[in-house]
Amino acid sequence: MSEITDGEAQAREEQAKNSSQVQKLRWIERTDVIADFRQYVEQEHDFRFLSQYGLSFGTEFPGLADTSDFQQLVQKYGSRRLESGSDVFSSAEEMHLQQEITDYATRYNAMLVGYLEHEK
């Protein structure tokens, strides 16, 4: 059995960084949750909740409990799916980007719930 050298490990990590999946997730590095919230909710009146599909852990709607009240809000306002990959990671960077996307969606959805409650 051969061992992987440091150079081979670095080459594999570099290849993973440039994978198409990692490239798809890099959108999160160019976003600002507050600016996006203002654009979609306050300016465009788009009250859809952010969702993440394809993950076996967590919830489809980060930051929100799976309750009947929330389900009614989703039925009323709908949802918008984020490009968030899957729960099979090819690199530490991919795992990090996925966590940033989940954090972004959690903040956005919490702000949206607060906004909708205030607007009642």
Protein backbone atom coordinates (compact mmCIF):
# COMPACT_ATOMS: atom_id res chain seq x y z
CA MET A 1 0.00 0.00 0.00
CA SER A 2 1.49 3.35 -0.99
CA GLU A 3 1.25 6.46 1.14
CA ILE A 4 0.19 9.84 -0.18
CA THR A 5 2.96 12.42 -0.14
CA ASP A 6 2.45 16.01 0.99
CA GLY A 7 2.76 17.14 -2.62
CA GLU A 8 0.08 14.70 -3.75
CA ALA A 9 -2.21 15.79 -0.93
CA GLN A 10 -1.75 19.45 -1.89
CA ALA A 11 -2.41 18.63 -5.55
CA ARG A 12 -5.64 16.82 -4.63
CA GLU A 13 -6.79 19.73 -2.47
CA GLU A 14 -6.02 22.18 -5.29
CA GLN A 15 -7.97 20.02 -7.73
CA ALA A 16 -10.90 19.91 -5.31
CA LYS A 17 -10.82 23.71 -4.94
CA ASN A 18 -11.23 24.07 -8.67
CA SER A 19 -13.93 21.42 -8.98
CA SER A 20 -17.14 22.46 -10.65
CA GLN A 21 -19.08 21.90 -7.42
CA VAL A 22 -16.85 24.31 -5.49
CA GLN A 23 -17.13 26.84 -8.33
CA LYS A 24 -20.96 26.64 -8.10
CA LEU A 25 -20.83 27.42 -4.38
CA ARG A 26 -18.50 30.41 -4.62
CA TRP A 27 -21.45 32.74 -5.20
CA ILE A 28 -21.69 32.98 -1.41
CA GLU A 29 -18.36 34.82 -1.29
CA ARG A 30 -19.88 37.72 -3.25
CA THR A 31 -23.08 38.18 -1.28
CA ASP A 32 -24.31 40.40 1.50
CA VAL A 33 -27.37 39.03 3.29
CA ILE A 34 -28.60 42.47 4.38
CA ALA A 35 -28.25 43.99 0.91
CA ASP A 36 -29.95 40.95 -0.63
CA PHE A 37 -32.78 41.15 1.91
CA ARG A 38 -33.32 44.82 1.14
CA GLN A 39 -33.35 44.16 -2.59
CA TYR A 40 -35.65 41.14 -2.63
CA VAL A 41 -37.97 41.87 0.29
CA GLU A 42 -38.09 45.63 0.71
CA GLN A 43 -37.67 46.71 -2.92
CA GLU A 44 -39.09 43.82 -4.97
CA HIS A 45 -41.61 42.59 -2.35
CA ASP A 46 -40.41 39.01 -2.86
CA PHE A 47 -41.36 37.27 0.38
CA ARG A 48 -40.22 33.77 -0.56
CA PHE A 49 -38.22 31.85 2.02
CA LEU A 50 -34.78 30.48 1.16
CA SER A 51 -34.49 26.72 0.96
CA GLN A 52 -31.73 24.17 0.55
CA TYR A 53 -32.48 20.82 -1.08
CA GLY A 54 -30.41 17.69 -1.27
CA LEU A 55 -29.04 17.79 2.24
CA SER A 56 -29.59 14.82 4.51
CA PHE A 57 -28.79 16.89 7.60
CA GLY A 58 -30.62 19.92 8.88
CA THR A 59 -33.82 21.36 7.57
CA GLU A 60 -34.91 22.41 4.11
CA PHE A 61 -35.45 25.94 5.45
CA PRO A 62 -32.40 26.86 7.57
CA GLY A 63 -33.10 28.65 10.81
CA LEU A 64 -36.80 27.84 10.88
CA ALA A 65 -38.64 25.21 12.88
CA ASP A 66 -40.78 22.73 10.98
CA THR A 67 -44.11 23.84 12.48
CA SER A 68 -47.59 24.20 11.03
CA ASP A 69 -47.33 28.00 11.36
CA PHE A 70 -44.19 28.06 9.28
CA GLN A 71 -45.64 25.62 6.73
CA GLN A 72 -48.55 28.03 6.28
CA LEU A 73 -46.12 30.90 5.66
CA VAL A 74 -44.26 28.85 3.04
CA GLN A 75 -47.56 27.96 1.36
CA LYS A 76 -48.57 31.61 1.33
CA TYR A 77 -45.26 33.14 0.17
CA GLY A 78 -43.40 30.26 -1.47
CA SER A 79 -39.71 29.47 -1.47
CA ARG A 80 -36.58 30.13 -3.49
CA ARG A 81 -33.96 27.42 -3.74
CA LEU A 82 -30.32 28.32 -3.19
CA GLU A 83 -27.48 26.66 -5.07
CA SER A 84 -26.10 24.77 -2.13
CA GLY A 85 -24.68 21.50 -3.37
CA SER A 86 -25.06 18.30 -1.42
CA ASP A 87 -23.81 16.80 1.81
CA VAL A 88 -21.03 14.85 0.09
CA PHE A 89 -17.98 17.10 0.30
CA SER A 90 -14.91 16.75 -1.89
CA SER A 91 -12.81 19.21 0.10
CA ALA A 92 -12.63 21.28 3.24
CA GLU A 93 -13.34 24.37 1.13
CA GLU A 94 -16.57 22.87 -0.18
CA MET A 95 -17.66 22.05 3.37
CA HIS A 96 -16.81 25.63 4.44
CA LEU A 97 -18.77 27.18 1.55
CA GLN A 98 -21.75 24.94 2.33
CA GLN A 99 -21.73 26.14 5.94
CA GLU A 100 -21.58 29.78 4.78
CA ILE A 101 -24.63 29.19 2.56
CA THR A 102 -26.53 27.62 5.45
CA ASP A 103 -25.61 30.57 7.70
CA TYR A 104 -26.71 33.02 4.98
CA ALA A 105 -30.08 31.28 4.57
CA THR A 106 -30.56 31.10 8.34
CA ARG A 107 -30.04 34.86 8.71
CA TYR A 108 -32.18 35.70 5.68
CA ASN A 109 -35.10 33.51 6.77
CA ALA A 110 -34.97 34.88 10.33
CA MET A 111 -35.03 38.45 8.99
CA LEU A 112 -37.96 37.56 6.71
CA VAL A 113 -40.00 36.08 9.57
CA GLY A 114 -39.34 39.23 11.62
CA TYR A 115 -40.34 41.44 8.70
CA LEU A 116 -43.56 39.55 8.05
CA GLU A 117 -44.50 39.58 11.75
CA HIS A 118 -43.88 43.34 11.87
CA GLU A 119 -46.01 43.91 8.76
CA LYS A 120 -49.08 42.13 10.22
